[in-house]
Amino acid sequence: MSIDQATKTDKLADLPAVDLDRVALDPAWSRSLPASGSRRFQAVALCKIDNHVVIATCNPRLAAVRRFVAGEIEIPFQLVRADKDSMRRLLRQIHGRSDETKGGSADHETSQIVDVCNELLSVACLRGASDIHLVPSEASFEVRFRVDGILESYRHIDLEFQSGVVSRIKVLAGLNIAEKRAPQDGRFTIPADAQTPKINVRVATIPTRFGERVTLRLLAPLHGALSLEDLGMAQREFAHFSTALQSSSGLILLTGPTGSGKSTTLYTAISQLMATRGGNVITVEDPIEYEIPGVTQVEVDSAEKVTFLRALRSILRHDPDIVMLGEIRDSETAELAIKASLTGHLVLSTLHTNNAAGVVTRLIDMGVEPFLVAATLRMAIAQRLVRKLCPHCRVPEKLSLTEASAIGKPSAAGSESFASAGCVYCAGRGFTGRTAVFEMLRGGSEVSDLISNGASETELHQHMQSSDACLFADDGLQKIHSGTTTAEQIIRGVATW
């Protein structure tokens, strides 16, 4: 039965079935039904698709469910069938955290503020958001979530609660609630429960014309099952990266703009090294985003007592086998990282360049001698993040000449590609999650000779093309053909070719 026929049956067994453990909820709709009614009638609004809202239920009394939903939602809706156990878990996820604080405070306004903050955190976790933005304006206090790299508007908070919500978050993060004219940074932890793991939250505030703007970065722990295979590398590139990681010394650098997934790749690589190779691993980070068991992690101090340079000088006296630097920011750090890689340490770090070949010119611009770069560079990896197509609703189409040319592969026009549609498993968006697109420059005798002889970025890129190295265009086209993402995402995500 199609979902369009779901409202024409009076039997629960005749409704289309959905797996609530795999659906992606739209927070704008998931809390549109009151908690008491949702529990009583065992019904949850999942998302809006086209012109109707999809309602999941496990209640066989469909007529009662329809009357309840019709009284709360004014637009057309359609019912789908869910499992009782998964419905019970989902109801706890949606309404459990905020309900725990209700009725326990003598101060009604304070209780409301606590409820609003708990709701935002709960819904953001439910939606899989990486950031929560609280944006003040003259007329409202808007809440936005960043999901898979895209900002989504969630709701507007009444202006009367703006100051209270900001103060509540400051208290949680250990910030000075009296200081409203200077930026502040802090953090707190959302405790684990039956539905969600412990989540570390980084908080940043900044004063604006209409009050303080607050941004919360939600850092869920890296999943234990996450491995290099999950990063999205093609089989050949994965093999090259794995080989580079087994080097006893040298420099492996990741590059890309902020938010391109470099830190995730680094953390995953370190976790893999700890599991397969072991040894003394020390990292210097600003800030520490994820905790890695067995690794000594040093956080850069904002008061300049612990800088990248000072920390690196110190940890080299602690006999490390592997060193990870969150970022090479200046010439002194670059030179020390080069020296560490020359003296028997494997050094992993990040830079900000547009492509893999740009890593060489960036290091040389920092004052590192070309022959030192040639001697130490094992691999330079550029990466970008693109949204992944929902495998449940993607639709096949042909790659147009315009798209193929924009990717840099005009000969691929007419080949297989896919487009987004929208279903309950992606909250009607057509996309779910993100994957990385890679470009790799591998060290070797030819590349070392080019670097030592002062080859330009363009010459290094031409060598990569002639040597069949992995380029953004190649990896992007492969992901388009496999249905992992769309041509539009590749063109938008790797716009620096």
Protein backbone atom coordinates (compact mmCIF):
# COMPACT_ATOMS: atom_id res chain seq x y z
CA MET A 1 0.00 0.00 0.00
CA SER A 2 1.27 3.50 -0.81
CA ILE A 3 1.33 6.22 1.82
CA ASP A 4 -1.42 8.06 -0.11
CA GLN A 5 -3.81 5.24 0.83
CA ALA A 6 -2.89 5.35 4.51
CA THR A 7 -5.87 7.46 5.54
CA LYS A 8 -8.38 5.20 3.76
CA THR A 9 -8.01 2.18 6.03
CA ASP A 10 -9.41 1.43 9.49
CA LYS A 11 -6.92 -1.34 10.28
CA LEU A 12 -3.52 -0.68 11.77
CA ALA A 13 -2.02 -3.67 9.96
CA ASP A 14 -2.96 -2.13 6.60
CA LEU A 15 -0.94 1.05 7.18
CA PRO A 16 2.55 1.37 5.63
CA ALA A 17 5.21 0.40 8.17
CA VAL A 18 8.18 2.59 9.20
CA ASP A 19 11.20 1.84 11.38
CA LEU A 20 11.20 4.59 14.01
CA ASP A 21 14.74 3.72 15.02
CA ARG A 22 15.92 4.87 11.59
CA VAL A 23 13.67 7.83 10.78
CA ALA A 24 14.99 11.41 10.87
CA LEU A 25 12.63 13.63 12.85
CA ASP A 26 11.80 17.18 11.88
CA PRO A 27 11.81 19.06 15.23
CA ALA A 28 9.40 21.63 13.84
CA TRP A 29 6.78 18.87 13.77
CA SER A 30 7.93 16.23 16.27
CA ARG A 31 6.77 18.37 19.21
CA SER A 32 3.65 19.72 17.50
CA LEU A 33 1.47 17.16 19.28
CA PRO A 34 1.16 17.67 23.06
CA ALA A 35 3.08 15.19 25.20
CA SER A 36 0.05 13.93 27.11
CA GLY A 37 -1.93 13.26 23.93
CA SER A 38 1.04 11.69 22.15
CA ARG A 39 1.47 9.22 25.00
CA ARG A 40 -2.22 8.51 25.34
CA PHE A 41 -2.82 7.89 21.64
CA GLN A 42 0.72 6.59 20.90
CA ALA A 43 1.19 9.00 18.02
CA VAL A 44 4.14 11.12 16.85
CA ALA A 45 4.41 13.63 14.01
CA LEU A 46 7.54 12.70 12.04
CA CYS A 47 7.90 15.32 9.33
CA LYS A 48 6.13 17.13 6.50
CA ILE A 49 6.45 15.67 3.01
CA ASP A 50 5.00 17.66 0.11
CA ASN A 51 1.69 18.96 1.48
CA HIS A 52 1.01 16.53 4.32
CA VAL A 53 2.40 15.59 7.74
CA VAL A 54 3.37 11.96 8.36
CA ILE A 55 2.01 10.64 11.69
CA ALA A 56 3.39 7.40 13.14
CA THR A 57 1.18 5.37 15.48
CA CYS A 58 0.95 1.93 17.01
CA ASN A 59 -2.59 2.46 18.31
CA PRO A 60 -5.17 0.19 16.65
CA ARG A 61 -7.93 2.75 17.42
CA LEU A 62 -7.23 4.71 14.25
CA ALA A 63 -10.42 6.78 14.40
CA ALA A 64 -9.44 8.11 17.84
CA VAL A 65 -5.91 8.85 16.62
CA ARG A 66 -7.27 10.79 13.63
CA ARG A 67 -9.58 12.88 15.84
CA PHE A 68 -6.70 13.72 18.20
CA VAL A 69 -4.32 14.68 15.38
CA ALA A 70 -6.99 16.69 13.51
CA GLY A 71 -7.55 18.74 16.65
CA GLU A 72 -3.87 19.69 16.82
CA ILE A 73 -2.70 19.92 13.19
CA GLU A 74 -4.58 22.00 10.64
CA ILE A 75 -2.99 20.69 7.45
CA PRO A 76 -3.60 17.23 5.89
CA PHE A 77 -1.87 14.28 7.54
CA GLN A 78 -1.32 10.60 6.78
CA LEU A 79 -0.81 7.70 9.15
CA VAL A 80 1.95 5.10 9.13
CA ARG A 81 2.41 2.08 11.38
CA ALA A 82 5.19 1.77 13.97
CA ASP A 83 6.40 -0.85 16.42
CA LYS A 84 5.28 -0.45 20.06
CA ASP A 85 8.76 -0.67 21.55
CA SER A 86 10.28 1.83 19.14
CA MET A 87 7.30 4.16 19.71
CA ARG A 88 7.91 4.01 23.46
CA ARG A 89 11.59 4.87 22.98
CA LEU A 90 10.80 7.72 20.61
CA LEU A 91 8.25 9.27 22.97
CA ARG A 92 10.86 9.24 25.74
CA GLN A 93 13.36 10.92 23.42
CA ILE A 94 10.95 13.65 22.36
CA HIS A 95 9.22 14.46 25.64
CA GLY A 96 11.25 12.77 28.37
CA ARG A 97 14.01 15.30 29.10
CA SER A 98 11.84 18.42 29.20
CA ASP A 99 9.13 16.79 31.30
CA GLU A 100 11.58 15.89 34.04
CA THR A 101 11.95 19.54 35.11
CA LYS A 102 8.29 20.52 35.14
CA GLY A 103 6.43 21.14 38.34
CA GLY A 104 9.53 21.10 40.54
CA SER A 105 10.22 24.85 40.85
CA ALA A 106 8.48 27.43 42.95
CA ASP A 107 9.47 30.15 40.50
CA HIS A 108 7.27 29.68 37.43
CA GLU A 109 9.32 31.93 35.15
CA THR A 110 12.58 30.21 36.12
CA SER A 111 10.95 26.86 35.49
CA GLN A 112 9.84 28.02 32.04
CA ILE A 113 13.37 29.17 31.18
CA VAL A 114 14.82 25.85 32.30
CA ASP A 115 12.20 24.04 30.22
CA VAL A 116 13.04 26.11 27.13
CA CYS A 117 16.78 25.38 27.46
CA ASN A 118 16.17 21.68 28.04
CA GLU A 119 13.85 21.58 25.04
CA LEU A 120 16.48 23.16 22.76
CA LEU A 121 19.16 20.70 23.85
CA SER A 122 16.84 17.71 23.63
CA VAL A 123 15.48 18.59 20.19
CA ALA A 124 18.96 19.42 18.84
CA CYS A 125 20.22 15.98 19.95
CA LEU A 126 17.12 14.37 18.46
CA ARG A 127 17.67 16.14 15.13
CA GLY A 128 21.38 15.29 15.08
CA ALA A 129 22.43 18.95 15.03
CA SER A 130 26.09 19.90 15.32
CA ASP A 131 25.38 23.47 16.44
CA ILE A 132 22.63 25.53 18.07
CA HIS A 133 22.51 29.22 17.15
CA LEU A 134 20.58 31.68 19.33
CA VAL A 135 20.33 34.83 17.22
CA PRO A 136 18.88 38.06 18.70
CA SER A 137 17.12 40.65 16.59
CA GLU A 138 14.87 43.61 17.24
CA ALA A 139 11.70 41.54 16.97
CA SER A 140 12.67 38.03 18.12
CA PHE A 141 15.21 35.61 19.54
CA GLU A 142 15.58 32.98 16.82
CA VAL A 143 16.80 29.42 17.32
CA ARG A 144 18.59 27.73 14.43
CA PHE A 145 20.13 24.26 14.16
CA ARG A 146 22.98 23.29 11.88
CA VAL A 147 22.26 19.83 10.53
CA ASP A 148 24.61 18.21 8.00
CA GLY A 149 26.20 21.61 7.40
CA ILE A 150 22.89 23.38 6.64
CA LEU A 151 21.23 25.91 8.96
CA GLU A 152 17.60 25.16 9.77
CA SER A 153 15.29 27.58 11.56
CA TYR A 154 13.58 25.83 14.49
CA ARG A 155 11.56 28.40 16.45
CA HIS A 156 11.45 31.90 17.94
CA ILE A 157 11.73 32.40 21.70
CA ASP A 158 9.64 35.15 23.30
CA LEU A 159 11.74 38.24 23.94
CA GLU A 160 10.75 38.19 27.61
CA PHE A 161 12.76 34.95 27.98
CA GLN A 162 15.83 36.09 25.99
CA SER A 163 17.89 37.33 28.93
CA GLY A 164 16.90 34.36 31.09
CA VAL A 165 17.79 31.76 28.44
CA VAL A 166 21.20 33.37 27.84
CA SER A 167 21.88 33.52 31.59
CA ARG A 168 20.82 29.88 32.03
CA ILE A 169 23.25 28.72 29.33
CA LYS A 170 26.00 30.87 30.86
CA VAL A 171 25.44 29.25 34.24
CA LEU A 172 25.65 25.78 32.68
CA ALA A 173 28.89 26.73 30.90
CA GLY A 174 30.48 28.38 33.95
CA LEU A 175 30.50 31.87 32.40
CA ASN A 176 30.08 35.26 34.07
CA ILE A 177 26.39 36.14 33.76
CA ALA A 178 27.09 39.78 34.71
CA GLU A 179 29.50 40.26 31.79
CA LYS A 180 27.44 41.17 28.73
CA ARG A 181 29.82 43.42 26.81
CA ALA A 182 32.64 40.99 26.06
CA PRO A 183 32.79 37.62 24.27
CA GLN A 184 33.04 34.56 26.51
CA ASP A 185 33.75 30.86 25.97
CA GLY A 186 32.85 27.90 28.15
CA ARG A 187 31.60 24.35 28.10
CA PHE A 188 29.33 21.89 29.88
CA THR A 189 28.18 18.30 29.49
CA ILE A 190 24.77 16.83 28.74
CA PRO A 191 24.63 13.63 30.82
CA ALA A 192 24.03 10.33 29.09
CA ASP A 193 20.64 8.64 29.33
CA ALA A 194 18.97 5.57 27.84
CA GLN A 195 18.52 7.28 24.45
CA THR A 196 21.56 9.52 23.99
CA PRO A 197 25.26 9.31 24.93
CA LYS A 198 27.07 11.95 26.96
CA ILE A 199 27.49 15.07 24.83
CA ASN A 200 30.07 17.79 25.43
CA VAL A 201 28.82 21.28 24.62
CA ARG A 202 31.09 24.21 23.74
CA VAL A 203 29.49 27.60 24.32
CA ALA A 204 30.50 30.93 22.77
CA THR A 205 28.79 34.28 23.42
CA ILE A 206 29.27 37.63 21.71
CA PRO A 207 27.51 40.96 22.30
CA THR A 208 25.38 42.37 19.48
CA ARG A 209 23.12 45.38 19.04
CA PHE A 210 20.07 43.45 20.26
CA GLY A 211 21.68 41.42 23.03
CA GLU A 212 24.08 38.53 23.28
CA ARG A 213 24.30 35.95 20.53
CA VAL A 214 25.02 32.41 21.73
CA THR A 215 26.40 29.47 19.74
CA LEU A 216 26.55 25.96 21.16
CA ARG A 217 28.67 23.26 19.49
CA LEU A 218 27.45 19.76 20.32
CA LEU A 219 30.26 17.22 20.43
CA ALA A 220 28.96 13.68 20.65
CA PRO A 221 31.64 11.07 21.39
CA LEU A 222 33.18 9.31 18.42
CA HIS A 223 31.40 6.02 17.91
CA GLY A 224 33.47 3.02 18.88
CA ALA A 225 32.78 1.45 15.50
CA LEU A 226 34.06 4.48 13.58
CA SER A 227 37.06 3.50 11.49
CA LEU A 228 39.02 4.74 8.51
CA GLU A 229 36.66 2.80 6.25
CA ASP A 230 33.80 5.02 7.42
CA LEU A 231 35.43 8.25 6.27
CA GLY A 232 34.32 7.80 2.67
CA MET A 233 37.68 7.12 1.01
CA ALA A 234 37.77 5.02 -2.13
CA GLN A 235 39.48 1.65 -1.72
CA ARG A 236 42.73 2.68 -3.39
CA GLU A 237 43.03 5.96 -1.45
CA PHE A 238 42.16 4.17 1.78
CA ALA A 239 45.04 1.77 1.16
CA HIS A 240 47.45 4.66 0.48
CA PHE A 241 46.36 6.49 3.66
CA SER A 242 46.66 3.34 5.76
CA THR A 243 50.18 2.77 4.44
CA ALA A 244 51.20 6.36 5.25
CA LEU A 245 49.91 5.95 8.81
CA GLN A 246 52.24 3.01 9.34
CA SER A 247 55.30 5.19 8.66
CA SER A 248 57.67 5.41 11.63
CA SER A 249 58.35 9.09 10.93
CA GLY A 250 57.33 11.89 8.62
CA LEU A 251 54.55 14.41 8.17
CA ILE A 252 50.91 13.72 7.28
CA LEU A 253 48.89 16.90 6.76
CA LEU A 254 45.17 17.41 6.25
CA THR A 255 43.87 20.58 4.67
CA GLY A 256 40.58 22.26 3.98
CA PRO A 257 38.37 25.08 5.26
CA THR A 258 36.84 25.18 8.73
CA GLY A 259 34.12 22.55 9.03
CA SER A 260 35.48 20.23 6.36
CA GLY A 261 35.93 17.24 8.68
CA LYS A 262 39.71 17.43 9.18
CA SER A 263 39.48 16.90 12.95
CA THR A 264 37.26 13.83 12.52
CA THR A 265 39.76 12.32 10.08
CA LEU A 266 42.63 13.03 12.48
CA TYR A 267 40.83 11.59 15.50
CA THR A 268 39.81 8.51 13.55
CA ALA A 269 43.37 7.99 12.34
CA ILE A 270 44.74 8.32 15.88
CA SER A 271 42.12 5.90 17.22
CA GLN A 272 43.03 3.41 14.50
CA LEU A 273 46.74 3.76 15.27
CA MET A 274 46.12 3.15 18.96
CA ALA A 275 44.13 0.01 18.14
CA THR A 276 46.62 -1.45 15.65
CA ARG A 277 50.02 -0.02 16.46
CA GLY A 278 49.92 1.46 19.95
CA GLY A 279 52.82 3.45 21.28
CA ASN A 280 53.18 6.79 23.04
CA VAL A 281 50.75 9.22 21.39
CA ILE A 282 50.55 12.87 22.47
CA THR A 283 48.25 15.52 20.96
CA VAL A 284 48.13 19.32 21.23
CA GLU A 285 44.67 20.71 20.52
CA ASP A 286 42.68 23.94 20.69
CA PRO A 287 40.34 22.84 22.14
CA ILE A 288 40.16 19.11 22.88
CA GLU A 289 37.01 18.00 21.09
CA TYR A 290 37.00 14.24 21.66
CA GLU A 291 38.65 12.12 24.30
CA ILE A 292 40.74 9.20 23.00
CA PRO A 293 41.51 6.44 25.53
CA GLY A 294 45.22 5.85 26.00
CA VAL A 295 46.26 9.14 24.36
CA THR A 296 47.84 12.06 26.24
CA GLN A 297 45.89 15.13 25.12
CA VAL A 298 47.15 18.65 25.84
CA GLU A 299 44.85 21.64 25.46
CA VAL A 300 46.13 25.03 24.35
CA ASP A 301 45.63 27.66 27.05
CA SER A 302 43.89 30.89 26.04
CA ALA A 303 46.10 32.74 28.53
CA GLU A 304 49.11 31.82 26.34
CA LYS A 305 50.69 29.65 29.04
CA VAL A 306 50.37 26.63 26.74
CA THR A 307 50.73 27.49 23.06
CA PHE A 308 51.11 25.05 20.18
CA LEU A 309 54.80 25.95 20.00
CA ARG A 310 55.52 25.63 23.74
CA ALA A 311 53.56 22.40 24.02
CA LEU A 312 55.31 20.85 21.04
CA ARG A 313 58.74 21.75 22.43
CA SER A 314 57.79 20.16 25.75
CA ILE A 315 56.17 16.95 24.53
CA LEU A 316 59.18 16.07 22.39
CA ARG A 317 60.97 15.49 25.72
CA HIS A 318 58.33 12.91 26.66
CA ASP A 319 59.52 10.36 24.09
CA PRO A 320 56.43 10.30 21.82
CA ASP A 321 56.07 7.92 18.90
CA ILE A 322 53.20 9.86 17.32
CA VAL A 323 52.41 13.56 17.67
CA MET A 324 49.18 15.21 16.60
CA LEU A 325 48.94 19.01 16.34
CA GLY A 326 45.49 20.50 15.96
CA GLU A 327 46.86 23.03 13.46
CA ILE A 328 50.17 24.40 12.16
CA ARG A 329 49.58 28.13 12.51
CA ASP A 330 52.98 29.81 12.25
CA SER A 331 56.51 29.36 10.96
CA GLU A 332 57.96 28.36 14.33
CA THR A 333 55.43 25.55 14.80
CA ALA A 334 55.95 24.43 11.19
CA GLU A 335 59.73 24.25 11.62
CA LEU A 336 59.47 22.36 14.89
CA ALA A 337 56.96 19.90 13.37
CA ILE A 338 59.39 19.32 10.49
CA LYS A 339 62.26 18.72 12.91
CA ALA A 340 60.14 16.31 14.94
CA SER A 341 59.30 14.31 11.82
CA LEU A 342 62.99 14.22 10.87
CA THR A 343 63.99 12.81 14.26
CA GLY A 344 61.85 9.69 14.25
CA HIS A 345 58.34 10.94 15.04
CA LEU A 346 55.19 10.56 12.96
CA VAL A 347 53.50 13.99 13.02
CA LEU A 348 49.87 14.55 12.01
CA SER A 349 48.40 18.02 11.69
CA THR A 350 46.20 20.37 9.64
CA LEU A 351 46.67 23.44 7.45
CA HIS A 352 44.31 25.81 5.66
CA THR A 353 44.82 25.55 1.89
CA ASN A 354 42.51 25.03 -1.07
CA ASN A 355 43.93 21.72 -2.29
CA ALA A 356 46.50 19.05 -1.53
CA ALA A 357 49.26 20.59 -3.64
CA GLY A 358 48.79 23.87 -1.76
CA VAL A 359 50.20 22.24 1.38
CA VAL A 360 53.72 22.37 -0.10
CA THR A 361 53.58 26.03 -1.08
CA ARG A 362 52.00 26.95 2.27
CA LEU A 363 54.84 25.32 4.22
CA ILE A 364 57.43 27.01 2.02
CA ASP A 365 55.68 30.36 2.49
CA MET A 366 55.99 29.78 6.24
CA GLY A 367 59.76 29.64 5.81
CA VAL A 368 60.36 25.88 5.69
CA GLU A 369 63.11 24.96 3.23
CA PRO A 370 61.85 23.02 0.18
CA PHE A 371 64.33 20.18 0.77
CA LEU A 372 62.95 19.71 4.31
CA VAL A 373 59.37 19.53 3.00
CA ALA A 374 60.50 17.01 0.38
CA ALA A 375 62.25 14.86 2.99
CA THR A 376 59.39 14.74 5.50
CA LEU A 377 56.06 14.93 3.66
CA ARG A 378 54.46 11.49 3.53
CA MET A 379 51.00 12.58 2.43
CA ALA A 380 48.89 15.72 2.00
CA ILE A 381 45.12 15.22 2.03
CA ALA A 382 42.58 17.86 1.10
CA GLN A 383 38.96 17.20 1.96
CA ARG A 384 35.49 18.70 1.85
CA LEU A 385 32.18 17.55 3.32
CA VAL A 386 29.10 17.01 1.15
CA ARG A 387 25.61 15.87 2.07
CA LYS A 388 24.74 12.22 1.47
CA LEU A 389 21.64 11.26 -0.46
CA CYS A 390 19.00 9.35 1.46
CA PRO A 391 19.25 5.79 0.12
CA HIS A 392 15.52 5.23 0.69
CA CYS A 393 14.20 7.92 -1.65
CA ARG A 394 16.94 8.93 -4.10
CA VAL A 395 15.87 8.86 -7.75
CA PRO A 396 18.08 8.13 -10.78
CA GLU A 397 18.78 10.71 -13.47
CA LYS A 398 21.45 11.57 -16.02
CA LEU A 399 24.38 13.90 -15.43
CA SER A 400 23.94 17.00 -17.58
CA LEU A 401 26.69 18.53 -19.69
CA THR A 402 26.62 21.66 -17.54
CA GLU A 403 27.10 19.63 -14.37
CA ALA A 404 29.81 17.42 -15.85
CA SER A 405 31.72 20.47 -17.10
CA ALA A 406 31.43 22.19 -13.73
CA ILE A 407 32.91 19.11 -12.08
CA GLY A 408 35.75 19.13 -14.59
CA LYS A 409 34.68 15.94 -16.37
CA PRO A 410 32.69 16.98 -19.49
CA SER A 411 33.08 13.49 -20.95
CA ALA A 412 30.91 12.17 -18.09
CA ALA A 413 27.80 13.93 -19.44
CA GLY A 414 24.93 11.48 -19.78
CA SER A 415 26.32 9.07 -17.19
CA GLU A 416 24.33 7.85 -14.20
CA SER A 417 23.62 10.18 -11.30
CA PHE A 418 20.91 10.60 -8.66
CA ALA A 419 18.65 13.33 -7.31
CA SER A 420 17.07 13.89 -3.91
CA ALA A 421 13.38 13.34 -3.22
CA GLY A 422 12.26 13.15 0.42
CA CYS A 423 10.81 10.56 2.81
CA VAL A 424 10.36 9.84 6.53
CA TYR A 425 13.90 8.47 6.79
CA CYS A 426 15.40 11.87 5.90
CA ALA A 427 12.66 14.10 7.38
CA GLY A 428 11.60 15.04 3.87
CA ARG A 429 14.99 16.64 3.09
CA GLY A 430 16.31 14.05 0.64
CA PHE A 431 19.66 13.94 2.42
CA THR A 432 20.88 12.25 5.58
CA GLY A 433 24.38 12.66 7.01
CA ARG A 434 27.56 13.78 5.27
CA THR A 435 30.61 12.20 3.69
CA ALA A 436 34.00 13.53 2.68
CA VAL A 437 35.40 14.12 -0.80
CA PHE A 438 39.19 13.70 -0.91
CA GLU A 439 42.25 14.75 -2.87
CA MET A 440 45.62 13.16 -2.06
CA LEU A 441 49.20 14.10 -2.79
CA ARG A 442 51.47 11.16 -1.90
CA GLY A 443 55.11 11.59 -1.10
CA GLY A 444 57.66 9.67 -3.14
CA SER A 445 60.81 10.15 -5.16
CA GLU A 446 59.13 12.04 -8.03
CA VAL A 447 57.17 14.35 -5.73
CA SER A 448 60.26 14.91 -3.55
CA ASP A 449 62.31 15.90 -6.62
CA LEU A 450 59.61 18.33 -7.74
CA ILE A 451 59.43 19.95 -4.31
CA SER A 452 63.22 20.16 -3.93
CA ASN A 453 63.46 21.81 -7.36
CA GLY A 454 60.92 24.47 -6.37
CA ALA A 455 57.91 23.22 -8.33
CA SER A 456 54.90 25.51 -8.16
CA GLU A 457 51.45 24.49 -6.93
CA THR A 458 50.28 24.28 -10.55
CA GLU A 459 53.15 21.99 -11.50
CA LEU A 460 52.44 19.71 -8.53
CA HIS A 461 48.76 19.58 -9.50
CA GLN A 462 49.69 18.70 -13.09
CA HIS A 463 51.90 15.90 -11.80
CA MET A 464 48.97 14.57 -9.75
CA GLN A 465 46.82 14.52 -12.90
CA SER A 466 49.45 12.73 -14.97
CA SER A 467 50.22 10.19 -12.25
CA ASP A 468 46.59 9.19 -11.80
CA ALA A 469 46.48 10.54 -8.24
CA CYS A 470 43.18 11.03 -6.45
CA LEU A 471 41.73 14.46 -7.31
CA PHE A 472 38.54 16.10 -6.09
CA ALA A 473 36.97 15.69 -9.54
CA ASP A 474 37.67 11.95 -9.64
CA ASP A 475 36.45 11.23 -6.13
CA GLY A 476 33.43 13.47 -6.58
CA LEU A 477 32.40 11.79 -9.83
CA GLN A 478 32.72 8.36 -8.24
CA LYS A 479 30.41 9.41 -5.40
CA ILE A 480 27.90 10.80 -7.91
CA HIS A 481 27.84 7.55 -9.89
CA SER A 482 27.43 5.46 -6.75
CA GLY A 483 24.45 7.52 -5.56
CA THR A 484 26.29 8.73 -2.47
CA THR A 485 25.63 12.38 -3.29
CA THR A 486 24.48 14.69 -6.08
CA ALA A 487 26.35 16.67 -8.71
CA GLU A 488 25.06 19.87 -7.12
CA GLN A 489 26.62 18.91 -3.78
CA ILE A 490 29.98 18.13 -5.40
CA ILE A 491 29.99 21.39 -7.37
CA ARG A 492 29.04 23.40 -4.29
CA GLY A 493 31.30 21.56 -1.87
CA VAL A 494 34.47 21.68 -3.97
CA ALA A 495 34.19 25.09 -5.54
CA THR A 496 37.92 25.81 -5.38
CA TRP A 497 39.10 23.74 -8.35
